[in-house]
C-alpha atoms as a PDB file:
ATOM      1  CA  MET A   1      57.325  30.685   4.101  1.00  0.00           C
ATOM      2  CA  VAL A   2      59.599  28.259   5.928  1.00  0.00           C
ATOM      3  CA  GLU A   3      59.145  24.547   5.364  1.00  0.00           C
ATOM      4  CA  VAL A   4      61.028  21.827   7.238  1.00  0.00           C
ATOM      5  CA  ARG A   5      61.421  18.192   6.239  1.00  0.00           C
ATOM      6  CA  PRO A   6      63.772  15.306   7.013  1.00  0.00           C
ATOM      7  CA  ALA A   7      67.243  16.102   5.675  1.00  0.00           C
ATOM      8  CA  LYS A   8      68.769  14.434   2.642  1.00  0.00           C
ATOM      9  CA  LEU A   9      72.422  14.214   1.683  1.00  0.00           C
ATOM     10  CA  GLU A  10      71.731  16.497  -1.290  1.00  0.00           C
ATOM     11  CA  ASP A  11      70.651  19.194   1.212  1.00  0.00           C
ATOM     12  CA  VAL A  12      74.052  18.889   2.901  1.00  0.00           C
ATOM     13  CA  GLU A  13      75.738  19.286  -0.489  1.00  0.00           C
ATOM     14  CA  TRP A  14      73.709  22.467  -1.120  1.00  0.00           C
ATOM     15  CA  VAL A  15      74.203  24.095   2.296  1.00  0.00           C
ATOM     16  CA  ALA A  16      77.890  23.273   2.930  1.00  0.00           C
ATOM     17  CA  PRO A  17      79.445  25.637   0.348  1.00  0.00           C
ATOM     18  CA  ARG A  18      76.985  28.389   1.325  1.00  0.00           C
ATOM     19  CA  LEU A  19      77.494  28.253   5.098  1.00  0.00           C
ATOM     20  CA  ARG A  20      77.356  31.553   6.993  1.00  0.00           C
ATOM     21  CA  ASP A  21      80.800  32.929   7.747  1.00  0.00           C
ATOM     22  CA  ALA A  22      80.122  32.640  11.500  1.00  0.00           C
ATOM     23  CA  ASP A  23      79.080  28.988  11.164  1.00  0.00           C
ATOM     24  CA  ARG A  24      82.072  28.222   8.937  1.00  0.00           C
ATOM     25  CA  ALA A  25      84.415  29.835  11.504  1.00  0.00           C
ATOM     26  CA  GLU A  26      82.751  27.899  14.334  1.00  0.00           C
ATOM     27  CA  VAL A  27      83.155  24.544  12.579  1.00  0.00           C
ATOM     28  CA  LEU A  28      86.798  25.272  11.800  1.00  0.00           C
ATOM     29  CA  ALA A  29      87.591  26.462  15.340  1.00  0.00           C
ATOM     30  CA  ALA A  30      85.841  23.524  17.017  1.00  0.00           C
ATOM     31  CA  SER A  31      86.948  20.652  14.819  1.00  0.00           C
ATOM     32  CA  GLY A  32      89.289  21.824  12.073  1.00  0.00           C
ATOM     33  CA  ARG A  33      86.861  20.301   9.574  1.00  0.00           C
ATOM     34  CA  SER A  34      85.470  21.798   6.393  1.00  0.00           C
ATOM     35  CA  PRO A  35      81.766  22.699   6.269  1.00  0.00           C
ATOM     36  CA  MET A  36      81.122  19.635   4.087  1.00  0.00           C
ATOM     37  CA  GLU A  37      82.919  17.307   6.505  1.00  0.00           C
ATOM     38  CA  ALA A  38      81.082  18.763   9.512  1.00  0.00           C
ATOM     39  CA  LEU A  39      77.646  18.587   7.885  1.00  0.00           C
ATOM     40  CA  VAL A  40      78.163  15.059   6.573  1.00  0.00           C
ATOM     41  CA  GLU A  41      79.295  13.946  10.033  1.00  0.00           C
ATOM     42  CA  GLY A  42      76.303  15.638  11.663  1.00  0.00           C
ATOM     43  CA  PHE A  43      73.976  14.062   9.106  1.00  0.00           C
ATOM     44  CA  GLU A  44      75.433  10.575   9.600  1.00  0.00           C
ATOM     45  CA  MET A  45      75.810  10.679  13.405  1.00  0.00           C
ATOM     46  CA  SER A  46      72.390  12.139  14.209  1.00  0.00           C
ATOM     47  CA  THR A  47      69.291  10.203  15.111  1.00  0.00           C
ATOM     48  CA  LYS A  48      67.186  13.007  13.580  1.00  0.00           C
ATOM     49  CA  THR A  49      68.154  15.570  10.949  1.00  0.00           C
ATOM     50  CA  PHE A  50      66.036  18.213   9.265  1.00  0.00           C
ATOM     51  CA  THR A  51      66.429  20.778   6.515  1.00  0.00           C
ATOM     52  CA  GLY A  52      64.705  24.141   6.556  1.00  0.00           C
ATOM     53  CA  PHE A  53      63.690  25.639   3.212  1.00  0.00           C
ATOM     54  CA  TYR A  54      62.919  29.272   2.427  1.00  0.00           C
ATOM     55  CA  GLU A  55      61.729  30.226  -1.046  1.00  0.00           C
ATOM     56  CA  GLU A  56      62.330  26.571  -2.005  1.00  0.00           C
ATOM     57  CA  GLU A  57      66.046  26.830  -1.110  1.00  0.00           C
ATOM     58  CA  PRO A  58      67.704  24.984   1.787  1.00  0.00           C
ATOM     59  CA  PHE A  59      68.911  27.493   4.366  1.00  0.00           C
ATOM     60  CA  ILE A  60      69.526  25.414   7.516  1.00  0.00           C
ATOM     61  CA  ILE A  61      70.285  21.855   8.491  1.00  0.00           C
ATOM     62  CA  PHE A  62      69.840  20.803  12.095  1.00  0.00           C
ATOM     63  CA  GLY A  63      69.592  17.682  14.138  1.00  0.00           C
ATOM     64  CA  VAL A  64      70.293  15.775  17.298  1.00  0.00           C
ATOM     65  CA  GLY A  65      72.477  12.803  18.072  1.00  0.00           C
ATOM     66  CA  THR A  66      71.998  10.617  21.119  1.00  0.00           C
ATOM     67  CA  VAL A  67      75.178  10.529  23.213  1.00  0.00           C
ATOM     68  CA  GLN A  68      73.751   8.551  26.131  1.00  0.00           C
ATOM     69  CA  PRO A  69      70.252   7.663  27.338  1.00  0.00           C
ATOM     70  CA  ASP A  70      68.135  10.833  27.602  1.00  0.00           C
ATOM     71  CA  VAL A  71      71.031  13.083  26.446  1.00  0.00           C
ATOM     72  CA  GLY A  72      71.249  14.536  22.971  1.00  0.00           C
ATOM     73  CA  CYS A  73      73.737  16.769  21.223  1.00  0.00           C
ATOM     74  CA  ALA A  74      71.691  19.320  19.266  1.00  0.00           C
ATOM     75  CA  TRP A  75      73.200  21.254  16.361  1.00  0.00           C
ATOM     76  CA  LEU A  76      72.289  23.664  13.573  1.00  0.00           C
ATOM     77  CA  LEU A  77      74.272  25.149  10.693  1.00  0.00           C
ATOM     78  CA  GLY A  78      72.907  27.556   8.120  1.00  0.00           C
ATOM     79  CA  THR A  79      73.367  29.908   5.224  1.00  0.00           C
ATOM     80  CA  ASP A  80      72.998  33.694   5.170  1.00  0.00           C
ATOM     81  CA  LYS A  81      69.393  33.158   4.066  1.00  0.00           C
ATOM     82  CA  ILE A  82      68.612  32.511   7.741  1.00  0.00           C
ATOM     83  CA  ARG A  83      68.216  36.279   8.180  1.00  0.00           C
ATOM     84  CA  GLU A  84      65.586  36.493   5.433  1.00  0.00           C
ATOM     85  CA  ALA A  85      63.767  33.457   6.815  1.00  0.00           C
ATOM     86  CA  ARG A  86      64.004  34.507  10.456  1.00  0.00           C
ATOM     87  CA  VAL A  87      60.322  35.313  11.088  1.00  0.00           C
ATOM     88  CA  GLY A  88      59.046  31.962   9.787  1.00  0.00           C
ATOM     89  CA  PHE A  89      61.976  30.160  11.346  1.00  0.00           C
ATOM     90  CA  LEU A  90      61.417  31.716  14.779  1.00  0.00           C
ATOM     91  CA  ARG A  91      57.715  30.857  14.661  1.00  0.00           C
ATOM     92  CA  GLN A  92      58.560  27.186  14.135  1.00  0.00           C
ATOM     93  CA  SER A  93      61.605  26.976  16.405  1.00  0.00           C
ATOM     94  CA  ASP A  94      59.708  25.832  19.486  1.00  0.00           C
ATOM     95  CA  TYR A  95      57.998  23.018  17.563  1.00  0.00           C
ATOM     96  CA  TRP A  96      61.283  21.732  16.133  1.00  0.00           C
ATOM     97  CA  LEU A  97      63.051  22.067  19.464  1.00  0.00           C
ATOM     98  CA  ASN A  98      60.391  19.789  20.946  1.00  0.00           C
ATOM     99  CA  GLU A  99      61.093  17.306  18.130  1.00  0.00           C
ATOM    100  CA  LEU A 100      64.779  17.289  19.066  1.00  0.00           C
ATOM    101  CA  HIS A 101      63.883  16.861  22.742  1.00  0.00           C
ATOM    102  CA  GLU A 102      61.798  13.769  21.980  1.00  0.00           C
ATOM    103  CA  GLY A 103      63.760  10.973  23.647  1.00  0.00           C
ATOM    104  CA  HIS A 104      66.238  13.470  25.142  1.00  0.00           C
ATOM    105  CA  ALA A 105      65.467  15.100  28.472  1.00  0.00           C
ATOM    106  CA  LEU A 106      68.705  17.066  28.136  1.00  0.00           C
ATOM    107  CA  LEU A 107      70.055  18.749  25.007  1.00  0.00           C
ATOM    108  CA  PHE A 108      73.527  20.263  24.936  1.00  0.00           C
ATOM    109  CA  ASN A 109      76.353  21.462  22.725  1.00  0.00           C
ATOM    110  CA  TYR A 110      79.067  24.098  22.474  1.00  0.00           C
ATOM    111  CA  ILE A 111      78.947  27.350  20.519  1.00  0.00           C
ATOM    112  CA  ASP A 112      81.644  29.723  19.376  1.00  0.00           C
ATOM    113  CA  ALA A 113      81.429  32.827  21.570  1.00  0.00           C
ATOM    114  CA  ARG A 114      81.682  34.922  18.365  1.00  0.00           C
ATOM    115  CA  ASN A 115      78.475  33.426  16.915  1.00  0.00           C
ATOM    116  CA  THR A 116      76.185  36.109  18.348  1.00  0.00           C
ATOM    117  CA  LEU A 117      73.182  35.411  16.088  1.00  0.00           C
ATOM    118  CA  HIS A 118      72.894  31.801  17.238  1.00  0.00           C
ATOM    119  CA  ILE A 119      73.649  32.697  20.860  1.00  0.00           C
ATOM    120  CA  ARG A 120      70.678  35.113  20.908  1.00  0.00           C
ATOM    121  CA  TRP A 121      68.448  32.441  19.332  1.00  0.00           C
ATOM    122  CA  LEU A 122      69.527  29.776  21.855  1.00  0.00           C
ATOM    123  CA  LYS A 123      68.802  32.123  24.770  1.00  0.00           C
ATOM    124  CA  TRP A 124      65.397  32.925  23.254  1.00  0.00           C
ATOM    125  CA  LEU A 125      64.684  29.164  23.110  1.00  0.00           C
ATOM    126  CA  GLY A 126      65.462  28.795  26.811  1.00  0.00           C
ATOM    127  CA  PHE A 127      68.906  27.226  26.708  1.00  0.00           C
ATOM    128  CA  SER A 128      71.194  27.946  29.665  1.00  0.00           C
ATOM    129  CA  PHE A 129      74.833  28.813  29.156  1.00  0.00           C
ATOM    130  CA  ILE A 130      76.623  26.909  31.874  1.00  0.00           C
ATOM    131  CA  ASN A 131      80.305  27.349  31.134  1.00  0.00           C
ATOM    132  CA  LEU A 132      82.692  29.428  29.054  1.00  0.00           C
ATOM    133  CA  HIS A 133      85.606  27.296  27.863  1.00  0.00           C
ATOM    134  CA  GLN A 134      88.375  29.787  27.117  1.00  0.00           C
ATOM    135  CA  GLU A 135      90.362  27.454  24.860  1.00  0.00           C
ATOM    136  CA  PHE A 136      87.971  25.037  23.171  1.00  0.00           C
ATOM    137  CA  GLY A 137      88.542  22.797  20.165  1.00  0.00           C
ATOM    138  CA  VAL A 138      91.410  22.758  17.726  1.00  0.00           C
ATOM    139  CA  GLY A 139      91.288  26.550  17.399  1.00  0.00           C
ATOM    140  CA  ARG A 140      91.554  26.972  21.187  1.00  0.00           C
ATOM    141  CA  LEU A 141      88.990  29.803  21.114  1.00  0.00           C
ATOM    142  CA  PRO A 142      86.267  30.713  23.637  1.00  0.00           C
ATOM    143  CA  PHE A 143      83.158  28.532  23.328  1.00  0.00           C
ATOM    144  CA  TYR A 144      80.076  28.441  25.518  1.00  0.00           C
ATOM    145  CA  GLU A 145      78.637  25.168  26.741  1.00  0.00           C
ATOM    146  CA  PHE A 146      74.842  25.296  26.675  1.00  0.00           C
ATOM    147  CA  VAL A 147      72.047  22.995  27.873  1.00  0.00           C
ATOM    148  CA  ARG A 148      68.285  22.736  27.953  1.00  0.00           C
ATOM    149  CA  ILE A 149      66.453  20.321  30.230  1.00  0.00           C
ATOM    150  CA  THR A 150      62.766  19.394  29.939  1.00  0.00           C
END
Protein backbone atom coordinates (compact mmCIF):
# COMPACT_ATOMS: atom_id res chain seq x y z
CA MET A 1 0.00 0.00 0.00
CA VAL A 2 1.25 3.47 -0.89
CA GLU A 3 0.94 6.24 1.67
CA VAL A 4 1.81 9.88 1.03
CA ARG A 5 2.46 12.58 3.62
CA PRO A 6 4.19 15.96 3.77
CA ALA A 7 7.93 15.50 3.24
CA LYS A 8 10.51 15.84 5.98
CA LEU A 9 14.22 16.46 5.64
CA GLU A 10 14.88 12.95 6.97
CA ASP A 11 12.96 11.59 3.95
CA VAL A 12 15.36 13.48 1.66
CA GLU A 13 18.30 11.94 3.54
CA TRP A 14 16.81 8.46 3.01
CA VAL A 15 15.91 8.82 -0.68
CA ALA A 16 18.99 10.71 -1.96
CA PRO A 17 21.54 7.86 -1.72
CA ARG A 18 18.99 5.40 -3.13
CA LEU A 19 17.90 7.43 -6.16
CA ARG A 20 17.11 5.50 -9.35
CA ASP A 21 19.99 5.53 -11.81
CA ALA A 22 17.82 7.39 -14.36
CA ASP A 23 16.89 10.07 -11.81
CA ARG A 24 20.51 10.38 -10.66
CA ALA A 25 21.64 10.80 -14.29
CA GLU A 26 18.90 13.38 -14.92
CA VAL A 27 19.88 15.49 -11.90
CA LEU A 28 23.55 15.39 -12.89
CA ALA A 29 22.86 16.25 -16.54
CA ALA A 30 20.48 19.11 -15.71
CA SER A 31 22.30 20.76 -12.83
CA GLY A 32 25.60 19.04 -12.09
CA ARG A 33 24.36 18.55 -8.53
CA SER A 34 24.44 15.44 -6.38
CA PRO A 35 21.14 13.72 -5.54
CA MET A 36 21.35 15.12 -2.00
CA GLU A 37 21.92 18.68 -3.24
CA ALA A 38 19.06 18.42 -5.75
CA LEU A 39 16.59 16.97 -3.25
CA VAL A 40 17.48 19.46 -0.52
CA GLU A 41 17.06 22.31 -3.00
CA GLY A 42 13.72 20.93 -4.18
CA PHE A 43 12.60 20.49 -0.58
CA GLU A 44 13.61 24.02 0.40
CA MET A 45 12.40 25.83 -2.74
CA SER A 46 9.00 24.15 -3.01
CA THR A 47 5.74 25.46 -1.66
CA LYS A 48 4.54 21.85 -1.26
CA THR A 49 6.58 18.67 -0.89
CA PHE A 50 5.43 15.12 -0.28
CA THR A 51 6.99 11.74 0.37
CA GLY A 52 5.51 8.49 -0.88
CA PHE A 53 6.00 5.40 1.27
CA TYR A 54 5.74 1.76 0.20
CA GLU A 55 6.11 -0.98 2.80
CA GLU A 56 6.93 1.80 5.29
CA GLU A 57 9.96 2.91 3.22
CA PRO A 58 10.23 6.25 1.40
CA PHE A 59 10.35 5.64 -2.35
CA ILE A 60 9.56 9.04 -3.90
CA ILE A 61 9.73 12.70 -3.02
CA PHE A 62 7.82 15.19 -5.13
CA GLY A 63 6.66 18.74 -4.98
CA VAL A 64 5.94 22.02 -6.66
CA GLY A 65 7.52 25.44 -6.41
CA THR A 66 5.76 28.61 -7.46
CA VAL A 67 7.80 30.45 -10.10
CA GLN A 68 5.24 33.16 -10.85
CA PRO A 69 1.53 33.64 -10.16
CA ASP A 70 -0.41 30.57 -11.35
CA VAL A 71 2.78 28.82 -12.61
CA GLY A 72 4.45 25.99 -10.74
CA CYS A 73 7.51 23.88 -11.39
CA ALA A 74 6.52 20.29 -10.54
CA TRP A 75 9.15 17.65 -9.80
CA LEU A 76 9.54 14.07 -8.61
CA LEU A 77 12.58 11.92 -7.81
CA GLY A 78 12.46 8.34 -6.63
CA THR A 79 14.14 5.08 -5.78
CA ASP A 80 13.95 1.76 -7.62
CA LYS A 81 11.10 0.82 -5.28
CA ILE A 82 8.86 2.92 -7.55
CA ARG A 83 8.44 -0.16 -9.76
CA GLU A 84 7.18 -2.28 -6.86
CA ALA A 85 4.85 0.50 -5.72
CA ARG A 86 3.61 1.40 -9.20
CA VAL A 87 0.02 0.12 -8.90
CA GLY A 88 -0.72 2.03 -5.68
CA PHE A 89 1.26 5.01 -6.91
CA LEU A 90 -0.61 5.18 -10.23
CA ARG A 91 -3.96 4.95 -8.45
CA GLN A 92 -3.09 8.02 -6.37
CA SER A 93 -1.25 10.01 -9.04
CA ASP A 94 -4.28 11.98 -10.21
CA TYR A 95 -5.14 13.03 -6.64
CA TRP A 96 -1.61 14.24 -5.93
CA LEU A 97 -1.35 15.97 -9.30
CA ASN A 98 -4.45 17.95 -8.36
CA GLU A 99 -2.74 18.89 -5.08
CA LEU A 100 0.24 20.24 -7.02
CA HIS A 101 -2.10 22.13 -9.36
CA GLU A 102 -3.79 23.88 -6.43
CA GLY A 103 -2.77 27.51 -6.89
CA HIS A 104 -1.04 26.71 -10.21
CA ALA A 105 -3.06 26.72 -13.42
CA LEU A 106 0.10 25.68 -15.27
CA LEU A 107 2.66 23.10 -14.17
CA PHE A 108 5.91 22.63 -16.07
CA ASN A 109 9.43 21.25 -15.92
CA TYR A 110 12.09 19.56 -18.03
CA ILE A 111 12.89 15.85 -18.19
CA ASP A 112 15.89 13.96 -19.45
CA ALA A 113 14.90 12.32 -22.74
CA ARG A 114 16.51 9.09 -21.44
CA ASN A 115 14.13 8.89 -18.45
CA THR A 116 11.54 6.74 -20.24
CA LEU A 117 9.70 5.53 -17.11
CA HIS A 118 8.86 9.06 -15.99
CA ILE A 119 8.09 10.20 -19.54
CA ARG A 120 5.44 7.46 -19.88
CA TRP A 121 3.96 8.43 -16.49
CA LEU A 122 3.83 12.15 -17.40
CA LYS A 123 2.05 11.36 -20.68
CA TRP A 124 -0.41 9.14 -18.80
CA LEU A 125 -1.12 12.08 -16.45
CA GLY A 126 -1.94 14.34 -19.40
CA PHE A 127 1.19 16.45 -19.62
CA SER A 128 2.09 17.80 -23.07
CA PHE A 129 5.65 17.71 -24.34
CA ILE A 130 6.11 21.04 -26.04
CA ASN A 131 9.78 21.21 -26.91
CA LEU A 132 12.88 19.05 -27.19
CA HIS A 133 15.95 21.00 -26.09
CA GLN A 134 18.86 19.20 -27.75
CA GLU A 135 21.52 20.59 -25.41
CA PHE A 136 19.95 21.26 -22.02
CA GLY A 137 21.63 21.87 -18.67
CA VAL A 138 25.25 21.44 -17.70
CA GLY A 139 25.39 18.05 -19.42
CA ARG A 140 24.10 19.55 -22.68
CA LEU A 141 21.88 16.50 -23.28
CA PRO A 142 18.39 16.26 -24.83
CA PHE A 143 15.62 17.20 -22.40
CA TYR A 144 11.91 17.57 -23.04
CA GLU A 145 9.99 20.57 -21.78
CA PHE A 146 6.56 19.51 -20.54
CA VAL A 147 3.44 21.35 -19.32
CA ARG A 148 -0.03 20.69 -18.00
CA ILE A 149 -2.71 23.37 -17.89
CA THR A 150 -5.98 23.12 -15.95
